[in-house]
Amino acid sequence: MNGVPQGSILGPLLFIIYLNDLPCGLIQDNLPIIYADHTSVLLTANNDSDLKNKINYELNYLTEWFSANGIALNMEKTNLMKFTPNMRQNELFQIIYQNKLLTGTNNIKFL
């Protein structure tokens, strides 16, 4: 068994220390958002090709970092949300990573 009991006073502090170096390998302009056991990364790009390259780079980095630290990236819970000007909202945007198709979604909620 690993970890700290849920509700522990030390839990949040140990979590912050444990994940402290996660953002170090992200592309400089990308913004990580880490809350509880959820990790999100905000990416910006000028076009879809650059965005797909950035997403693949970050997914590779996160997968390697999680694996090296005994954590698994759950591809079933991995989501993609793309914000664009209104005229481009209906464009289909998909990423294939580890043989899993990540399709854009209109909403994401943290459980």
PDB file of N, CA and C in Angstrom:
ATOM      1  N   MET A   1       0.838  -1.169   0.000  1.00  0.00           N
ATOM      2  CA  MET A   1       0.000   0.000   0.000  1.00  0.00           C
ATOM      3  C   MET A   1       0.891   1.243   0.000  1.00  0.00           C
ATOM      4  N   ASN A   2       0.536   2.235  -0.824  1.00  0.00           N
ATOM      5  CA  ASN A   2       1.279   3.487  -0.913  1.00  0.00           C
ATOM      6  C   ASN A   2       0.390   4.644  -0.536  1.00  0.00           C
ATOM      7  N   GLY A   3       1.014   5.761  -0.200  1.00  0.00           N
ATOM      8  CA  GLY A   3       0.257   6.982  -0.033  1.00  0.00           C
ATOM      9  C   GLY A   3       0.040   7.382   1.403  1.00  0.00           C
ATOM     10  N   VAL A   4      -0.799   8.392   1.536  1.00  0.00           N
ATOM     11  CA  VAL A   4      -1.146   8.984   2.819  1.00  0.00           C
ATOM     12  C   VAL A   4      -2.646   8.785   3.001  1.00  0.00           C
ATOM     13  N   PRO A   5      -3.109   8.479   4.200  1.00  0.00           N
ATOM     14  CA  PRO A   5      -4.551   8.305   4.397  1.00  0.00           C
ATOM     15  C   PRO A   5      -5.343   9.531   3.942  1.00  0.00           C
ATOM     16  N   GLN A   6      -6.468   9.280   3.296  1.00  0.00           N
ATOM     17  CA  GLN A   6      -7.309  10.367   2.823  1.00  0.00           C
ATOM     18  C   GLN A   6      -7.771  11.208   4.005  1.00  0.00           C
ATOM     19  N   GLY A   7      -7.723  12.517   3.839  1.00  0.00           N
ATOM     20  CA  GLY A   7      -8.123  13.420   4.906  1.00  0.00           C
ATOM     21  C   GLY A   7      -6.990  13.763   5.858  1.00  0.00           C
ATOM     22  N   SER A   8      -5.818  13.223   5.625  1.00  0.00           N
ATOM     23  CA  SER A   8      -4.671  13.492   6.473  1.00  0.00           C
ATOM     24  C   SER A   8      -4.264  14.962   6.373  1.00  0.00           C
ATOM     25  N   ILE A   9      -3.783  15.510   7.473  1.00  0.00           N
ATOM     26  CA  ILE A   9      -3.301  16.893   7.489  1.00  0.00           C
ATOM     27  C   ILE A   9      -2.054  17.019   6.618  1.00  0.00           C
ATOM     28  N   LEU A  10      -1.234  15.988   6.580  1.00  0.00           N
ATOM     29  CA  LEU A  10      -0.011  16.029   5.784  1.00  0.00           C
ATOM     30  C   LEU A  10      -0.257  15.782   4.299  1.00  0.00           C
ATOM     31  N   GLY A  11      -1.397  15.229   3.950  1.00  0.00           N
ATOM     32  CA  GLY A  11      -1.676  14.867   2.561  1.00  0.00           C
ATOM     33  C   GLY A  11      -1.422  15.966   1.552  1.00  0.00           C
ATOM     34  N   PRO A  12      -2.051  17.147   1.702  1.00  0.00           N
ATOM     35  CA  PRO A  12      -1.840  18.211   0.721  1.00  0.00           C
ATOM     36  C   PRO A  12      -0.384  18.674   0.629  1.00  0.00           C
ATOM     37  N   LEU A  13       0.299  18.771   1.749  1.00  0.00           N
ATOM     38  CA  LEU A  13       1.702  19.191   1.734  1.00  0.00           C
ATOM     39  C   LEU A  13       2.572  18.165   1.019  1.00  0.00           C
ATOM     40  N   LEU A  14       2.382  16.899   1.350  1.00  0.00           N
ATOM     41  CA  LEU A  14       3.172  15.853   0.696  1.00  0.00           C
ATOM     42  C   LEU A  14       2.872  15.785  -0.802  1.00  0.00           C
ATOM     43  N   PHE A  15       1.629  16.013  -1.186  1.00  0.00           N
ATOM     44  CA  PHE A  15       1.262  16.020  -2.595  1.00  0.00           C
ATOM     45  C   PHE A  15       1.996  17.135  -3.337  1.00  0.00           C
ATOM     46  N   ILE A  16       2.021  18.318  -2.750  1.00  0.00           N
ATOM     47  CA  ILE A  16       2.711  19.453  -3.372  1.00  0.00           C
ATOM     48  C   ILE A  16       4.200  19.155  -3.520  1.00  0.00           C
ATOM     49  N   ILE A  17       4.800  18.598  -2.498  1.00  0.00           N
ATOM     50  CA  ILE A  17       6.228  18.255  -2.564  1.00  0.00           C
ATOM     51  C   ILE A  17       6.469  17.189  -3.621  1.00  0.00           C
ATOM     52  N   TYR A  18       5.605  16.186  -3.679  1.00  0.00           N
ATOM     53  CA  TYR A  18       5.752  15.078  -4.615  1.00  0.00           C
ATOM     54  C   TYR A  18       5.674  15.549  -6.064  1.00  0.00           C
ATOM     55  N   LEU A  19       4.744  16.455  -6.354  1.00  0.00           N
ATOM     56  CA  LEU A  19       4.541  16.921  -7.726  1.00  0.00           C
ATOM     57  C   LEU A  19       5.304  18.203  -8.046  1.00  0.00           C
ATOM     58  N   ASN A  20       6.138  18.666  -7.144  1.00  0.00           N
ATOM     59  CA  ASN A  20       6.818  19.943  -7.291  1.00  0.00           C
ATOM     60  C   ASN A  20       7.595  20.080  -8.602  1.00  0.00           C
ATOM     61  N   ASP A  21       8.243  19.045  -9.078  1.00  0.00           N
ATOM     62  CA  ASP A  21       9.064  19.159 -10.288  1.00  0.00           C
ATOM     63  C   ASP A  21       8.329  18.803 -11.573  1.00  0.00           C
ATOM     64  N   LEU A  22       7.077  18.435 -11.499  1.00  0.00           N
ATOM     65  CA  LEU A  22       6.320  18.078 -12.706  1.00  0.00           C
ATOM     66  C   LEU A  22       6.351  19.181 -13.760  1.00  0.00           C
ATOM     67  N   PRO A  23       6.113  20.448 -13.417  1.00  0.00           N
ATOM     68  CA  PRO A  23       6.080  21.494 -14.447  1.00  0.00           C
ATOM     69  C   PRO A  23       7.433  21.792 -15.089  1.00  0.00           C
ATOM     70  N   CYS A  24       8.530  21.339 -14.507  1.00  0.00           N
ATOM     71  CA  CYS A  24       9.866  21.690 -15.003  1.00  0.00           C
ATOM     72  C   CYS A  24      10.123  21.242 -16.439  1.00  0.00           C
ATOM     73  N   GLY A  25       9.528  20.162 -16.887  1.00  0.00           N
ATOM     74  CA  GLY A  25       9.779  19.654 -18.229  1.00  0.00           C
ATOM     75  C   GLY A  25       8.773  20.099 -19.271  1.00  0.00           C
ATOM     76  N   LEU A  26       7.775  20.881 -18.851  1.00  0.00           N
ATOM     77  CA  LEU A  26       6.781  21.354 -19.804  1.00  0.00           C
ATOM     78  C   LEU A  26       7.368  22.457 -20.671  1.00  0.00           C
ATOM     79  N   ILE A  27       6.824  22.616 -21.866  1.00  0.00           N
ATOM     80  CA  ILE A  27       7.235  23.724 -22.720  1.00  0.00           C
ATOM     81  C   ILE A  27       6.963  25.011 -21.964  1.00  0.00           C
ATOM     82  N   GLN A  28       7.881  25.970 -22.061  1.00  0.00           N
ATOM     83  CA  GLN A  28       7.861  27.164 -21.215  1.00  0.00           C
ATOM     84  C   GLN A  28       6.540  27.927 -21.248  1.00  0.00           C
ATOM     85  N   ASP A  29       5.904  28.061 -22.394  1.00  0.00           N
ATOM     86  CA  ASP A  29       4.672  28.847 -22.494  1.00  0.00           C
ATOM     87  C   ASP A  29       3.442  28.106 -21.975  1.00  0.00           C
ATOM     88  N   ASN A  30       3.561  26.815 -21.742  1.00  0.00           N
ATOM     89  CA  ASN A  30       2.416  26.022 -21.305  1.00  0.00           C
ATOM     90  C   ASN A  30       2.209  26.169 -19.806  1.00  0.00           C
ATOM     91  N   LEU A  31       0.954  26.207 -19.409  1.00  0.00           N
ATOM     92  CA  LEU A  31       0.612  26.453 -18.016  1.00  0.00           C
ATOM     93  C   LEU A  31       0.010  25.215 -17.376  1.00  0.00           C
ATOM     94  N   PRO A  32       0.718  24.612 -16.401  1.00  0.00           N
ATOM     95  CA  PRO A  32       0.132  23.458 -15.706  1.00  0.00           C
ATOM     96  C   PRO A  32      -0.828  23.923 -14.611  1.00  0.00           C
ATOM     97  N   ILE A  33      -1.916  23.190 -14.461  1.00  0.00           N
ATOM     98  CA  ILE A  33      -2.861  23.434 -13.374  1.00  0.00           C
ATOM     99  C   ILE A  33      -3.002  22.112 -12.632  1.00  0.00           C
ATOM    100  N   ILE A  34      -2.568  22.103 -11.383  1.00  0.00           N
ATOM    101  CA  ILE A  34      -2.574  20.876 -10.592  1.00  0.00           C
ATOM    102  C   ILE A  34      -3.465  21.112  -9.383  1.00  0.00           C
ATOM    103  N   TYR A  35      -4.490  20.277  -9.259  1.00  0.00           N
ATOM    104  CA  TYR A  35      -5.412  20.377  -8.131  1.00  0.00           C
ATOM    105  C   TYR A  35      -5.761  18.968  -7.678  1.00  0.00           C
ATOM    106  N   ALA A  36      -5.570  18.703  -6.417  1.00  0.00           N
ATOM    107  CA  ALA A  36      -5.787  17.367  -5.860  1.00  0.00           C
ATOM    108  C   ALA A  36      -5.032  16.363  -6.727  1.00  0.00           C
ATOM    109  N   ASP A  37      -5.712  15.342  -7.255  1.00  0.00           N
ATOM    110  CA  ASP A  37      -5.000  14.381  -8.097  1.00  0.00           C
ATOM    111  C   ASP A  37      -5.302  14.605  -9.576  1.00  0.00           C
ATOM    112  N   HIS A  38      -5.688  15.827  -9.942  1.00  0.00           N
ATOM    113  CA  HIS A  38      -5.972  16.169 -11.328  1.00  0.00           C
ATOM    114  C   HIS A  38      -4.879  17.083 -11.856  1.00  0.00           C
ATOM    115  N   THR A  39      -4.452  16.836 -13.064  1.00  0.00           N
ATOM    116  CA  THR A  39      -3.457  17.670 -13.706  1.00  0.00           C
ATOM    117  C   THR A  39      -3.990  18.112 -15.057  1.00  0.00           C
ATOM    118  N   SER A  40      -3.955  19.403 -15.299  1.00  0.00           N
ATOM    119  CA  SER A  40      -4.349  19.959 -16.583  1.00  0.00           C
ATOM    120  C   SER A  40      -3.196  20.805 -17.108  1.00  0.00           C
ATOM    121  N   VAL A  41      -3.111  20.914 -18.414  1.00  0.00           N
ATOM    122  CA  VAL A  41      -2.092  21.765 -19.022  1.00  0.00           C
ATOM    123  C   VAL A  41      -2.781  22.632 -20.060  1.00  0.00           C
ATOM    124  N   LEU A  42      -2.589  23.942 -19.947  1.00  0.00           N
ATOM    125  CA  LEU A  42      -3.133  24.876 -20.925  1.00  0.00           C
ATOM    126  C   LEU A  42      -2.056  25.155 -21.967  1.00  0.00           C
ATOM    127  N   LEU A  43      -2.387  24.923 -23.230  1.00  0.00           N
ATOM    128  CA  LEU A  43      -1.452  25.120 -24.333  1.00  0.00           C
ATOM    129  C   LEU A  43      -1.982  26.191 -25.271  1.00  0.00           C
ATOM    130  N   THR A  44      -1.095  26.937 -25.884  1.00  0.00           N
ATOM    131  CA  THR A  44      -1.494  27.896 -26.910  1.00  0.00           C
ATOM    132  C   THR A  44      -0.666  27.641 -28.157  1.00  0.00           C
ATOM    133  N   ALA A  45      -1.279  27.889 -29.310  1.00  0.00           N
ATOM    134  CA  ALA A  45      -0.586  27.717 -30.584  1.00  0.00           C
ATOM    135  C   ALA A  45      -1.272  28.583 -31.635  1.00  0.00           C
ATOM    136  N   ASN A  46      -0.529  28.887 -32.690  1.00  0.00           N
ATOM    137  CA  ASN A  46      -1.067  29.725 -33.763  1.00  0.00           C
ATOM    138  C   ASN A  46      -1.856  28.934 -34.786  1.00  0.00           C
ATOM    139  N   ASN A  47      -1.641  27.609 -34.830  1.00  0.00           N
ATOM    140  CA  ASN A  47      -2.375  26.787 -35.795  1.00  0.00           C
ATOM    141  C   ASN A  47      -2.517  25.371 -35.245  1.00  0.00           C
ATOM    142  N   ASP A  48      -3.388  24.588 -35.896  1.00  0.00           N
ATOM    143  CA  ASP A  48      -3.676  23.228 -35.414  1.00  0.00           C
ATOM    144  C   ASP A  48      -2.454  22.326 -35.441  1.00  0.00           C
ATOM    145  N   SER A  49      -1.604  22.487 -36.444  1.00  0.00           N
ATOM    146  CA  SER A  49      -0.409  21.642 -36.545  1.00  0.00           C
ATOM    147  C   SER A  49       0.518  21.864 -35.351  1.00  0.00           C
ATOM    148  N   ASP A  50       0.782  23.123 -35.023  1.00  0.00           N
ATOM    149  CA  ASP A  50       1.620  23.429 -33.853  1.00  0.00           C
ATOM    150  C   ASP A  50       0.962  22.937 -32.570  1.00  0.00           C
ATOM    151  N   LEU A  51      -0.356  23.092 -32.479  1.00  0.00           N
ATOM    152  CA  LEU A  51      -1.066  22.643 -31.287  1.00  0.00           C
ATOM    153  C   LEU A  51      -0.957  21.133 -31.119  1.00  0.00           C
ATOM    154  N   LYS A  52      -1.136  20.386 -32.207  1.00  0.00           N
ATOM    155  CA  LYS A  52      -1.015  18.925 -32.128  1.00  0.00           C
ATOM    156  C   LYS A  52       0.390  18.509 -31.718  1.00  0.00           C
ATOM    157  N   ASN A  53       1.409  19.188 -32.246  1.00  0.00           N
ATOM    158  CA  ASN A  53       2.789  18.882 -31.855  1.00  0.00           C
ATOM    159  C   ASN A  53       3.012  19.138 -30.374  1.00  0.00           C
ATOM    160  N   LYS A  54       2.496  20.278 -29.881  1.00  0.00           N
ATOM    161  CA  LYS A  54       2.645  20.595 -28.461  1.00  0.00           C
ATOM    162  C   LYS A  54       1.909  19.578 -27.584  1.00  0.00           C
ATOM    163  N   ILE A  55       0.708  19.208 -27.990  1.00  0.00           N
ATOM    164  CA  ILE A  55      -0.064  18.236 -27.209  1.00  0.00           C
ATOM    165  C   ILE A  55       0.678  16.906 -27.139  1.00  0.00           C
ATOM    166  N   ASN A  56       1.185  16.427 -28.270  1.00  0.00           N
ATOM    167  CA  ASN A  56       1.925  15.157 -28.277  1.00  0.00           C
ATOM    168  C   ASN A  56       3.187  15.238 -27.430  1.00  0.00           C
ATOM    169  N   TYR A  57       3.910  16.359 -27.498  1.00  0.00           N
ATOM    170  CA  TYR A  57       5.107  16.525 -26.681  1.00  0.00           C
ATOM    171  C   TYR A  57       4.742  16.458 -25.198  1.00  0.00           C
ATOM    172  N   GLU A  58       3.712  17.206 -24.811  1.00  0.00           N
ATOM    173  CA  GLU A  58       3.326  17.248 -23.398  1.00  0.00           C
ATOM    174  C   GLU A  58       2.796  15.901 -22.918  1.00  0.00           C
ATOM    175  N   LEU A  59       2.013  15.212 -23.736  1.00  0.00           N
ATOM    176  CA  LEU A  59       1.535  13.886 -23.350  1.00  0.00           C
ATOM    177  C   LEU A  59       2.702  12.918 -23.165  1.00  0.00           C
ATOM    178  N   ASN A  60       3.690  12.980 -24.054  1.00  0.00           N
ATOM    179  CA  ASN A  60       4.881  12.129 -23.892  1.00  0.00           C
ATOM    180  C   ASN A  60       5.613  12.462 -22.603  1.00  0.00           C
ATOM    181  N   TYR A  61       5.816  13.760 -22.355  1.00  0.00           N
ATOM    182  CA  TYR A  61       6.509  14.171 -21.137  1.00  0.00           C
ATOM    183  C   TYR A  61       5.750  13.714 -19.896  1.00  0.00           C
ATOM    184  N   LEU A  62       4.448  13.984 -19.858  1.00  0.00           N
ATOM    185  CA  LEU A  62       3.649  13.619 -18.685  1.00  0.00           C
ATOM    186  C   LEU A  62       3.628  12.113 -18.470  1.00  0.00           C
ATOM    187  N   THR A  63       3.485  11.340 -19.545  1.00  0.00           N
ATOM    188  CA  THR A  63       3.492   9.881 -19.434  1.00  0.00           C
ATOM    189  C   THR A  63       4.807   9.392 -18.841  1.00  0.00           C
ATOM    190  N   GLU A  64       5.926   9.931 -19.327  1.00  0.00           N
ATOM    191  CA  GLU A  64       7.241   9.530 -18.817  1.00  0.00           C
ATOM    192  C   GLU A  64       7.422   9.958 -17.364  1.00  0.00           C
ATOM    193  N   TRP A  65       7.013  11.184 -17.038  1.00  0.00           N
ATOM    194  CA  TRP A  65       7.170  11.672 -15.671  1.00  0.00           C
ATOM    195  C   TRP A  65       6.331  10.845 -14.713  1.00  0.00           C
ATOM    196  N   PHE A  66       5.066  10.618 -15.061  1.00  0.00           N
ATOM    197  CA  PHE A  66       4.195   9.816 -14.205  1.00  0.00           C
ATOM    198  C   PHE A  66       4.769   8.418 -14.011  1.00  0.00           C
ATOM    199  N   SER A  67       5.222   7.799 -15.090  1.00  0.00           N
ATOM    200  CA  SER A  67       5.777   6.445 -15.012  1.00  0.00           C
ATOM    201  C   SER A  67       7.013   6.403 -14.113  1.00  0.00           C
ATOM    202  N   ALA A  68       7.905   7.377 -14.262  1.00  0.00           N
ATOM    203  CA  ALA A  68       9.124   7.433 -13.453  1.00  0.00           C
ATOM    204  C   ALA A  68       8.817   7.648 -11.975  1.00  0.00           C
ATOM    205  N   ASN A  69       7.643   8.209 -11.684  1.00  0.00           N
ATOM    206  CA  ASN A  69       7.267   8.493 -10.303  1.00  0.00           C
ATOM    207  C   ASN A  69       6.183   7.559  -9.775  1.00  0.00           C
ATOM    208  N   GLY A  70       5.973   6.445 -10.463  1.00  0.00           N
ATOM    209  CA  GLY A  70       5.050   5.430  -9.979  1.00  0.00           C
ATOM    210  C   GLY A  70       3.581   5.782 -10.129  1.00  0.00           C
ATOM    211  N   ILE A  71       3.273   6.665 -11.072  1.00  0.00           N
ATOM    212  CA  ILE A  71       1.890   7.075 -11.312  1.00  0.00           C
ATOM    213  C   ILE A  71       1.556   6.711 -12.758  1.00  0.00           C
ATOM    214  N   ALA A  72       0.312   6.417 -13.025  1.00  0.00           N
ATOM    215  CA  ALA A  72      -0.108   6.103 -14.398  1.00  0.00           C
ATOM    216  C   ALA A  72      -1.006   7.215 -14.931  1.00  0.00           C
ATOM    217  N   LEU A  73      -0.780   7.589 -16.171  1.00  0.00           N
ATOM    218  CA  LEU A  73      -1.671   8.530 -16.850  1.00  0.00           C
ATOM    219  C   LEU A  73      -2.868   7.736 -17.346  1.00  0.00           C
ATOM    220  N   ASN A  74      -4.038   8.047 -16.846  1.00  0.00           N
ATOM    221  CA  ASN A  74      -5.245   7.319 -17.211  1.00  0.00           C
ATOM    222  C   ASN A  74      -5.812   7.904 -18.499  1.00  0.00           C
ATOM    223  N   MET A  75      -5.565   7.224 -19.614  1.00  0.00           N
ATOM    224  CA  MET A  75      -6.010   7.724 -20.905  1.00  0.00           C
ATOM    225  C   MET A  75      -7.531   7.718 -21.028  1.00  0.00           C
ATOM    226  N   GLU A  76      -8.211   6.896 -20.240  1.00  0.00           N
ATOM    227  CA  GLU A  76      -9.675   6.880 -20.271  1.00  0.00           C
ATOM    228  C   GLU A  76     -10.258   8.169 -19.680  1.00  0.00           C
ATOM    229  N   LYS A  77      -9.493   8.819 -18.819  1.00  0.00           N
ATOM    230  CA  LYS A  77      -9.966  10.052 -18.202  1.00  0.00           C
ATOM    231  C   LYS A  77      -9.269  11.286 -18.774  1.00  0.00           C
ATOM    232  N   THR A  78      -8.461  11.091 -19.800  1.00  0.00           N
ATOM    233  CA  THR A  78      -7.761  12.198 -20.426  1.00  0.00           C
ATOM    234  C   THR A  78      -8.679  12.854 -21.443  1.00  0.00           C
ATOM    235  N   ASN A  79      -8.847  14.163 -21.313  1.00  0.00           N
ATOM    236  CA  ASN A  79      -9.750  14.915 -22.170  1.00  0.00           C
ATOM    237  C   ASN A  79      -9.012  16.027 -22.886  1.00  0.00           C
ATOM    238  N   LEU A  80      -9.633  16.520 -23.923  1.00  0.00           N
ATOM    239  CA  LEU A  80      -9.072  17.578 -24.743  1.00  0.00           C
ATOM    240  C   LEU A  80     -10.156  18.617 -24.973  1.00  0.00           C
ATOM    241  N   MET A  81      -9.846  19.864 -24.679  1.00  0.00           N
ATOM    242  CA  MET A  81     -10.797  20.940 -24.938  1.00  0.00           C
ATOM    243  C   MET A  81     -10.051  22.031 -25.692  1.00  0.00           C
ATOM    244  N   LYS A  82     -10.614  22.440 -26.810  1.00  0.00           N
ATOM    245  CA  LYS A  82      -9.976  23.454 -27.652  1.00  0.00           C
ATOM    246  C   LYS A  82     -10.844  24.705 -27.673  1.00  0.00           C
ATOM    247  N   PHE A  83     -10.219  25.838 -27.359  1.00  0.00           N
ATOM    248  CA  PHE A  83     -10.907  27.124 -27.403  1.00  0.00           C
ATOM    249  C   PHE A  83     -10.464  27.846 -28.666  1.00  0.00           C
ATOM    250  N   THR A  84     -11.432  28.274 -29.472  1.00  0.00           N
ATOM    251  CA  THR A  84     -11.141  28.965 -30.730  1.00  0.00           C
ATOM    252  C   THR A  84     -12.153  30.081 -30.935  1.00  0.00           C
ATOM    253  N   PRO A  85     -11.861  30.964 -31.889  1.00  0.00           N
ATOM    254  CA  PRO A  85     -12.881  31.964 -32.239  1.00  0.00           C
ATOM    255  C   PRO A  85     -14.144  31.265 -32.746  1.00  0.00           C
ATOM    256  N   ASN A  86     -15.277  31.885 -32.608  1.00  0.00           N
ATOM    257  CA  ASN A  86     -16.574  31.288 -32.969  1.00  0.00           C
ATOM    258  C   ASN A  86     -16.615  30.694 -34.363  1.00  0.00           C
ATOM    259  N   MET A  87     -15.994  31.321 -35.336  1.00  0.00           N
ATOM    260  CA  MET A  87     -16.096  30.824 -36.704  1.00  0.00           C
ATOM    261  C   MET A  87     -15.402  29.472 -36.890  1.00  0.00           C
ATOM    262  N   ARG A  88     -14.555  29.065 -35.952  1.00  0.00           N
ATOM    263  CA  ARG A  88     -13.838  27.797 -36.074  1.00  0.00           C
ATOM    264  C   ARG A  88     -14.333  26.751 -35.084  1.00  0.00           C
ATOM    265  N   GLN A  89     -15.388  27.034 -34.336  1.00  0.00           N
ATOM    266  CA  GLN A  89     -15.870  26.125 -33.297  1.00  0.00           C
ATOM    267  C   GLN A  89     -16.225  24.741 -33.815  1.00  0.00           C
ATOM    268  N   ASN A  90     -16.777  24.634 -35.002  1.00  0.00           N
ATOM    269  CA  ASN A  90     -17.282  23.353 -35.482  1.00  0.00           C
ATOM    270  C   ASN A  90     -16.221  22.462 -36.114  1.00  0.00           C
ATOM    271  N   GLU A  91     -14.991  22.940 -36.213  1.00  0.00           N
ATOM    272  CA  GLU A  91     -13.939  22.122 -36.805  1.00  0.00           C
ATOM    273  C   GLU A  91     -13.636  20.917 -35.913  1.00  0.00           C
ATOM    274  N   LEU A  92     -13.495  19.759 -36.535  1.00  0.00           N
ATOM    275  CA  LEU A  92     -13.171  18.538 -35.808  1.00  0.00           C
ATOM    276  C   LEU A  92     -11.696  18.555 -35.426  1.00  0.00           C
ATOM    277  N   PHE A  93     -11.400  18.305 -34.166  1.00  0.00           N
ATOM    278  CA  PHE A  93     -10.017  18.290 -33.692  1.00  0.00           C
ATOM    279  C   PHE A  93      -9.803  17.001 -32.917  1.00  0.00           C
ATOM    280  N   GLN A  94      -8.861  16.188 -33.384  1.00  0.00           N
ATOM    281  CA  GLN A  94      -8.597  14.901 -32.751  1.00  0.00           C
ATOM    282  C   GLN A  94      -7.099  14.682 -32.614  1.00  0.00           C
ATOM    283  N   ILE A  95      -6.737  13.959 -31.577  1.00  0.00           N
ATOM    284  CA  ILE A  95      -5.350  13.552 -31.337  1.00  0.00           C
ATOM    285  C   ILE A  95      -5.375  12.050 -31.092  1.00  0.00           C
ATOM    286  N   ILE A  96      -4.438  11.332 -31.696  1.00  0.00           N
ATOM    287  CA  ILE A  96      -4.284   9.910 -31.392  1.00  0.00           C
ATOM    288  C   ILE A  96      -3.001   9.763 -30.583  1.00  0.00           C
ATOM    289  N   TYR A  97      -3.142   9.211 -29.384  1.00  0.00           N
ATOM    290  CA  TYR A  97      -2.002   9.007 -28.496  1.00  0.00           C
ATOM    291  C   TYR A  97      -2.122   7.634 -27.863  1.00  0.00           C
ATOM    292  N   GLN A  98      -1.072   6.857 -27.955  1.00  0.00           N
ATOM    293  CA  GLN A  98      -1.046   5.484 -27.434  1.00  0.00           C
ATOM    294  C   GLN A  98      -2.253   4.686 -27.942  1.00  0.00           C
ATOM    295  N   ASN A  99      -2.500   4.799 -29.215  1.00  0.00           N
ATOM    296  CA  ASN A  99      -3.593   4.081 -29.880  1.00  0.00           C
ATOM    297  C   ASN A  99      -4.969   4.427 -29.327  1.00  0.00           C
ATOM    298  N   LYS A 100      -5.095   5.573 -28.683  1.00  0.00           N
ATOM    299  CA  LYS A 100      -6.387   6.030 -28.183  1.00  0.00           C
ATOM    300  C   LYS A 100      -6.711   7.356 -28.842  1.00  0.00           C
ATOM    301  N   LEU A 101      -7.931   7.453 -29.337  1.00  0.00           N
ATOM    302  CA  LEU A 101      -8.387   8.670 -29.979  1.00  0.00           C
ATOM    303  C   LEU A 101      -8.899   9.641 -28.923  1.00  0.00           C
ATOM    304  N   LEU A 102      -8.267  10.804 -28.857  1.00  0.00           N
ATOM    305  CA  LEU A 102      -8.726  11.867 -27.970  1.00  0.00           C
ATOM    306  C   LEU A 102      -9.498  12.859 -28.830  1.00  0.00           C
ATOM    307  N   THR A 103     -10.770  12.955 -28.579  1.00  0.00           N
ATOM    308  CA  THR A 103     -11.628  13.863 -29.326  1.00  0.00           C
ATOM    309  C   THR A 103     -11.955  15.044 -28.441  1.00  0.00           C
ATOM    310  N   GLY A 104     -12.081  16.198 -29.042  1.00  0.00           N
ATOM    311  CA  GLY A 104     -12.428  17.387 -28.287  1.00  0.00           C
ATOM    312  C   GLY A 104     -13.763  17.245 -27.588  1.00  0.00           C
ATOM    313  N   THR A 105     -13.901  17.925 -26.472  1.00  0.00           N
ATOM    314  CA  THR A 105     -15.138  17.920 -25.709  1.00  0.00           C
ATOM    315  C   THR A 105     -15.566  19.349 -25.436  1.00  0.00           C
ATOM    316  N   ASN A 106     -16.829  19.567 -25.136  1.00  0.00           N
ATOM    317  CA  ASN A 106     -17.334  20.894 -24.841  1.00  0.00           C
ATOM    318  C   ASN A 106     -17.294  21.232 -23.362  1.00  0.00           C
ATOM    319  N   ASN A 107     -17.139  20.205 -22.513  1.00  0.00           N
ATOM    320  CA  ASN A 107     -17.055  20.457 -21.082  1.00  0.00           C
ATOM    321  C   ASN A 107     -16.259  19.366 -20.408  1.00  0.00           C
ATOM    322  N   ILE A 108     -15.613  19.755 -19.343  1.00  0.00           N
ATOM    323  CA  ILE A 108     -14.818  18.817 -18.548  1.00  0.00           C
ATOM    324  C   ILE A 108     -15.113  19.137 -17.090  1.00  0.00           C
ATOM    325  N   LYS A 109     -15.324  18.102 -16.291  1.00  0.00           N
ATOM    326  CA  LYS A 109     -15.522  18.354 -14.873  1.00  0.00           C
ATOM    327  C   LYS A 109     -14.552  17.502 -14.068  1.00  0.00           C
ATOM    328  N   PHE A 110     -14.083  18.061 -12.977  1.00  0.00           N
ATOM    329  CA  PHE A 110     -13.199  17.348 -12.071  1.00  0.00           C
ATOM    330  C   PHE A 110     -14.052  16.635 -11.048  1.00  0.00           C
ATOM    331  N   LEU A 111     -13.823  15.357 -10.877  1.00  0.00           N
ATOM    332  CA  LEU A 111     -14.585  14.581  -9.898  1.00  0.00           C
ATOM    333  C   LEU A 111     -13.798  14.439  -8.620  1.00  0.00           C
TER     334      LEU A 111
END
